[in-house]
N, C-alpha and C. Protein backbone atom coordinates (compact mmCIF):
# COMPACT_ATOMS: atom_id res chain seq x y z
N MET A 1 79.91 85.09 73.94
CA MET A 1 81.31 84.75 73.94
C MET A 1 81.90 85.13 75.29
N LEU A 2 82.58 84.21 75.93
CA LEU A 2 83.21 84.47 77.21
C LEU A 2 84.65 84.91 77.02
N TYR A 3 85.12 85.78 77.89
CA TYR A 3 86.51 86.24 77.85
C TYR A 3 87.13 86.06 79.22
N SER A 4 88.38 85.75 79.23
CA SER A 4 89.13 85.77 80.48
C SER A 4 90.37 86.60 80.25
N LEU A 5 91.02 87.00 81.31
CA LEU A 5 92.21 87.82 81.19
C LEU A 5 93.44 86.95 81.34
N LEU A 6 94.37 87.10 80.43
CA LEU A 6 95.63 86.38 80.48
C LEU A 6 96.71 87.38 80.82
N ILE A 7 97.43 87.13 81.90
CA ILE A 7 98.51 88.03 82.28
C ILE A 7 99.70 87.72 81.40
N VAL A 8 100.15 88.70 80.64
CA VAL A 8 101.26 88.52 79.72
C VAL A 8 102.58 88.42 80.49
N CYS A 9 102.78 89.28 81.47
CA CYS A 9 103.96 89.23 82.33
C CYS A 9 103.50 88.72 83.68
N VAL A 10 104.39 88.10 84.42
CA VAL A 10 103.99 87.59 85.72
C VAL A 10 104.74 88.30 86.83
N GLY A 11 104.22 88.19 88.03
CA GLY A 11 104.86 88.81 89.18
C GLY A 11 103.88 89.70 89.91
N CYS A 12 104.14 89.91 91.16
CA CYS A 12 103.23 90.68 92.00
C CYS A 12 103.06 92.11 91.49
N ALA A 13 104.14 92.74 91.10
CA ALA A 13 104.05 94.12 90.61
C ALA A 13 103.20 94.19 89.35
N THR A 14 103.34 93.20 88.48
CA THR A 14 102.55 93.18 87.25
C THR A 14 101.09 92.92 87.55
N ALA A 15 100.83 91.99 88.46
CA ALA A 15 99.44 91.70 88.81
C ALA A 15 98.76 92.95 89.33
N CYS A 16 99.48 93.77 90.05
CA CYS A 16 98.94 95.03 90.53
C CYS A 16 98.77 96.00 89.37
N ALA A 17 99.77 96.12 88.54
CA ALA A 17 99.76 97.11 87.47
C ALA A 17 98.67 96.86 86.44
N ILE A 18 98.23 95.61 86.27
CA ILE A 18 97.23 95.34 85.25
C ILE A 18 95.92 96.06 85.53
N PHE A 19 95.67 96.38 86.79
CA PHE A 19 94.42 97.06 87.10
C PHE A 19 94.56 98.57 87.08
N VAL A 20 95.77 99.06 86.93
CA VAL A 20 95.99 100.49 86.78
C VAL A 20 96.03 100.84 85.30
N GLU A 21 96.79 100.10 84.51
CA GLU A 21 96.87 100.28 83.06
C GLU A 21 96.66 98.93 82.39
N PRO A 22 95.44 98.42 82.35
CA PRO A 22 95.21 97.05 81.90
C PRO A 22 95.64 96.75 80.47
N LEU A 23 95.54 97.69 79.57
CA LEU A 23 95.88 97.41 78.17
C LEU A 23 97.36 97.16 77.97
N LEU A 24 98.20 97.61 78.89
CA LEU A 24 99.64 97.39 78.76
C LEU A 24 100.04 95.98 79.17
N TYR A 25 99.24 95.31 79.95
CA TYR A 25 99.66 94.05 80.54
C TYR A 25 98.77 92.86 80.22
N LEU A 26 97.64 93.09 79.61
CA LEU A 26 96.70 92.01 79.39
C LEU A 26 96.35 91.83 77.93
N GLN A 27 95.95 90.63 77.62
CA GLN A 27 95.33 90.40 76.33
C GLN A 27 94.12 89.52 76.57
N LEU A 28 93.09 89.70 75.76
CA LEU A 28 91.87 88.91 75.93
C LEU A 28 91.99 87.60 75.17
N GLU A 29 91.60 86.53 75.81
CA GLU A 29 91.60 85.22 75.19
C GLU A 29 90.14 84.80 75.01
N PRO A 30 89.63 84.75 73.77
CA PRO A 30 88.23 84.36 73.56
C PRO A 30 88.02 82.87 73.82
N GLU A 31 86.76 82.51 74.06
CA GLU A 31 86.34 81.12 74.19
C GLU A 31 86.90 80.41 75.42
N THR A 32 87.21 81.11 76.47
CA THR A 32 87.64 80.46 77.70
C THR A 32 86.51 80.54 78.71
N THR A 33 86.60 79.77 79.76
CA THR A 33 85.48 79.68 80.70
C THR A 33 85.79 80.28 82.06
N THR A 34 86.95 80.90 82.24
CA THR A 34 87.31 81.45 83.54
C THR A 34 87.14 82.97 83.55
N PRO A 35 86.07 83.48 84.15
CA PRO A 35 85.91 84.93 84.22
C PRO A 35 86.83 85.54 85.27
N LEU A 36 87.09 86.81 85.14
CA LEU A 36 87.90 87.52 86.13
C LEU A 36 87.15 87.59 87.45
N ASN A 37 87.80 87.19 88.53
CA ASN A 37 87.20 87.24 89.86
C ASN A 37 87.65 88.52 90.55
N CYS A 38 86.83 89.53 90.52
CA CYS A 38 87.19 90.84 91.08
C CYS A 38 87.28 90.83 92.60
N ASP A 39 86.79 89.78 93.24
CA ASP A 39 86.85 89.71 94.70
C ASP A 39 88.10 89.02 95.21
N ASN A 40 88.95 88.53 94.32
CA ASN A 40 90.14 87.81 94.75
C ASN A 40 91.36 88.22 93.93
N ILE A 41 91.58 89.51 93.80
CA ILE A 41 92.71 90.03 93.04
C ILE A 41 93.95 90.02 93.93
N PRO A 42 95.07 89.49 93.44
CA PRO A 42 96.27 89.34 94.28
C PRO A 42 97.06 90.63 94.45
N CYS A 43 96.50 91.58 95.17
CA CYS A 43 97.22 92.84 95.44
C CYS A 43 98.29 92.62 96.50
N PRO A 44 99.43 93.31 96.36
CA PRO A 44 100.49 93.16 97.36
C PRO A 44 100.09 93.82 98.68
N LEU A 45 100.66 93.33 99.75
CA LEU A 45 100.39 93.88 101.08
C LEU A 45 101.36 95.01 101.39
N ILE A 46 101.45 95.94 100.47
CA ILE A 46 102.33 97.10 100.61
C ILE A 46 101.46 98.31 100.88
N PHE A 47 101.76 99.04 101.95
CA PHE A 47 100.98 100.23 102.28
C PHE A 47 101.64 101.44 101.63
N LYS A 48 101.05 101.87 100.53
CA LYS A 48 101.50 103.06 99.80
C LYS A 48 100.22 103.77 99.36
N PRO A 49 99.58 104.51 100.28
CA PRO A 49 98.24 105.03 100.04
C PRO A 49 98.15 105.97 98.85
N VAL A 50 96.98 105.88 98.20
CA VAL A 50 96.64 106.78 97.10
C VAL A 50 95.25 107.33 97.35
N CYS A 51 95.03 108.55 96.90
CA CYS A 51 93.72 109.19 97.02
C CYS A 51 92.96 108.99 95.71
N GLY A 52 91.80 108.38 95.80
CA GLY A 52 90.98 108.15 94.61
C GLY A 52 90.10 109.33 94.29
N SER A 53 89.65 109.38 93.04
CA SER A 53 88.79 110.47 92.59
C SER A 53 87.43 110.44 93.28
N ASP A 54 87.13 109.35 94.00
CA ASP A 54 85.90 109.26 94.77
C ASP A 54 86.07 109.81 96.19
N GLY A 55 87.27 110.35 96.49
CA GLY A 55 87.53 110.93 97.80
C GLY A 55 87.92 109.91 98.85
N GLU A 56 88.12 108.67 98.45
CA GLU A 56 88.48 107.62 99.39
C GLU A 56 89.97 107.30 99.28
N THR A 57 90.61 107.04 100.42
CA THR A 57 92.01 106.65 100.44
C THR A 57 92.09 105.13 100.31
N TYR A 58 92.90 104.67 99.36
CA TYR A 58 93.13 103.24 99.13
C TYR A 58 94.53 102.89 99.60
N SER A 59 94.73 101.69 100.12
CA SER A 59 96.03 101.33 100.70
C SER A 59 97.14 101.26 99.66
N ASN A 60 96.82 101.04 98.39
CA ASN A 60 97.79 101.13 97.30
C ASN A 60 97.03 101.18 95.98
N ALA A 61 97.75 101.41 94.89
CA ALA A 61 97.12 101.57 93.58
C ALA A 61 96.42 100.29 93.12
N CYS A 62 96.95 99.14 93.50
CA CYS A 62 96.32 97.88 93.12
C CYS A 62 94.94 97.75 93.76
N VAL A 63 94.82 98.13 95.01
CA VAL A 63 93.54 98.06 95.71
C VAL A 63 92.52 98.98 95.03
N LEU A 64 92.96 100.16 94.61
CA LEU A 64 92.08 101.05 93.86
C LEU A 64 91.67 100.38 92.55
N GLY A 65 92.61 99.74 91.88
CA GLY A 65 92.30 99.03 90.64
C GLY A 65 91.33 97.89 90.85
N ALA A 66 91.47 97.17 91.96
CA ALA A 66 90.54 96.09 92.28
C ALA A 66 89.13 96.63 92.49
N GLU A 67 89.04 97.80 93.11
CA GLU A 67 87.73 98.44 93.28
C GLU A 67 87.15 98.82 91.92
N ASN A 68 87.99 99.29 91.01
CA ASN A 68 87.53 99.58 89.65
C ASN A 68 86.99 98.32 88.98
N CYS A 69 87.65 97.21 89.19
CA CYS A 69 87.20 95.94 88.63
C CYS A 69 85.80 95.61 89.13
N ARG A 70 85.59 95.76 90.44
CA ARG A 70 84.27 95.48 91.02
C ARG A 70 83.20 96.44 90.51
N ARG A 71 83.55 97.71 90.34
CA ARG A 71 82.57 98.72 89.92
C ARG A 71 82.22 98.63 88.44
N GLY A 72 83.18 98.25 87.62
CA GLY A 72 82.96 98.21 86.18
C GLY A 72 83.38 99.52 85.53
N PRO A 73 83.47 99.53 84.20
CA PRO A 73 84.02 100.69 83.49
C PRO A 73 83.17 101.96 83.57
N ALA A 74 81.90 101.85 83.86
CA ALA A 74 81.04 103.03 83.89
C ALA A 74 81.29 103.91 85.11
N ASP A 75 81.89 103.34 86.15
CA ASP A 75 82.09 104.07 87.41
C ASP A 75 83.56 104.06 87.82
N LYS A 76 84.46 104.29 86.87
CA LYS A 76 85.90 104.17 87.11
C LYS A 76 86.41 105.26 88.05
N ILE A 77 87.33 104.84 88.95
CA ILE A 77 87.98 105.76 89.88
C ILE A 77 89.39 106.01 89.36
N PHE A 78 89.85 107.24 89.47
CA PHE A 78 91.20 107.60 89.05
C PHE A 78 92.01 107.97 90.28
N ILE A 79 93.33 107.82 90.18
CA ILE A 79 94.21 108.25 91.26
C ILE A 79 94.37 109.76 91.16
N GLU A 80 93.93 110.46 92.19
CA GLU A 80 94.09 111.91 92.24
C GLU A 80 95.52 112.28 92.59
N HIS A 81 96.08 111.58 93.58
CA HIS A 81 97.47 111.81 93.99
C HIS A 81 97.89 110.71 94.94
N GLU A 82 99.20 110.57 95.14
CA GLU A 82 99.71 109.63 96.13
C GLU A 82 99.47 110.20 97.53
N GLY A 83 99.31 109.32 98.50
CA GLY A 83 99.08 109.75 99.87
C GLY A 83 97.59 109.73 100.22
N PHE A 84 97.31 110.18 101.42
CA PHE A 84 95.94 110.19 101.92
C PHE A 84 95.13 111.31 101.26
N CYS A 85 93.83 111.09 101.16
CA CYS A 85 92.93 112.14 100.68
C CYS A 85 92.89 113.24 101.74
N PRO A 86 92.73 114.50 101.33
CA PRO A 86 92.70 115.60 102.29
C PRO A 86 91.46 115.54 103.19
N PRO A 87 91.54 116.18 104.35
CA PRO A 87 90.38 116.23 105.25
C PRO A 87 89.17 116.84 104.52
N GLY A 88 88.01 116.38 104.91
CA GLY A 88 86.79 116.87 104.27
C GLY A 88 86.29 115.92 103.21
N GLN A 89 87.17 115.06 102.73
CA GLN A 89 86.75 114.02 101.82
C GLN A 89 86.51 112.77 102.64
N GLN A 90 85.98 111.74 102.00
CA GLN A 90 85.77 110.48 102.69
C GLN A 90 87.11 109.99 103.23
N GLU A 91 87.17 109.60 104.48
CA GLU A 91 88.46 109.27 105.09
C GLU A 91 88.55 107.82 105.52
N THR A 92 88.24 106.91 104.62
CA THR A 92 88.39 105.50 104.94
C THR A 92 89.49 104.92 104.08
N THR A 93 90.24 104.01 104.63
CA THR A 93 91.25 103.31 103.86
C THR A 93 90.68 101.97 103.45
N THR A 94 90.68 101.70 102.15
CA THR A 94 90.12 100.47 101.63
C THR A 94 91.23 99.46 101.38
N THR A 95 91.00 98.23 101.81
CA THR A 95 91.93 97.14 101.52
C THR A 95 91.13 95.99 100.95
N VAL A 96 91.82 95.08 100.29
CA VAL A 96 91.15 93.88 99.77
C VAL A 96 91.87 92.65 100.27
N ARG A 97 91.13 91.57 100.29
CA ARG A 97 91.70 90.28 100.66
C ARG A 97 92.63 89.83 99.55
N THR A 98 93.78 89.27 99.89
CA THR A 98 94.72 88.81 98.88
C THR A 98 94.60 87.31 98.70
N SER A 99 94.99 86.84 97.55
CA SER A 99 94.94 85.43 97.23
C SER A 99 96.00 84.67 98.02
N SER A 100 95.66 83.49 98.48
CA SER A 100 96.63 82.68 99.21
C SER A 100 97.33 81.69 98.30
N THR A 101 96.99 81.68 97.03
CA THR A 101 97.64 80.75 96.09
C THR A 101 98.66 81.45 95.24
């Protein structure tokens, strides 16, 4: 059985939020043929860095959520705090390509 994600609310903020708290914003629609494309998540181009539990700084919470989508549920990253990760942790800022549609 194939599942796709249906966004219940629309808008850039919601598209971002679905990957932080997906159960609040999504419902599963059975028998559809469009899988979630984790490489083309429409994250906003807003720089509001967050430190992930993997020690990596992400440009915003949506980008961290997109990384969670790519990794899958077994390797989930949590937001440790807003802002950059402290020195001594991995110090790269991760960004994702945004959708042009």
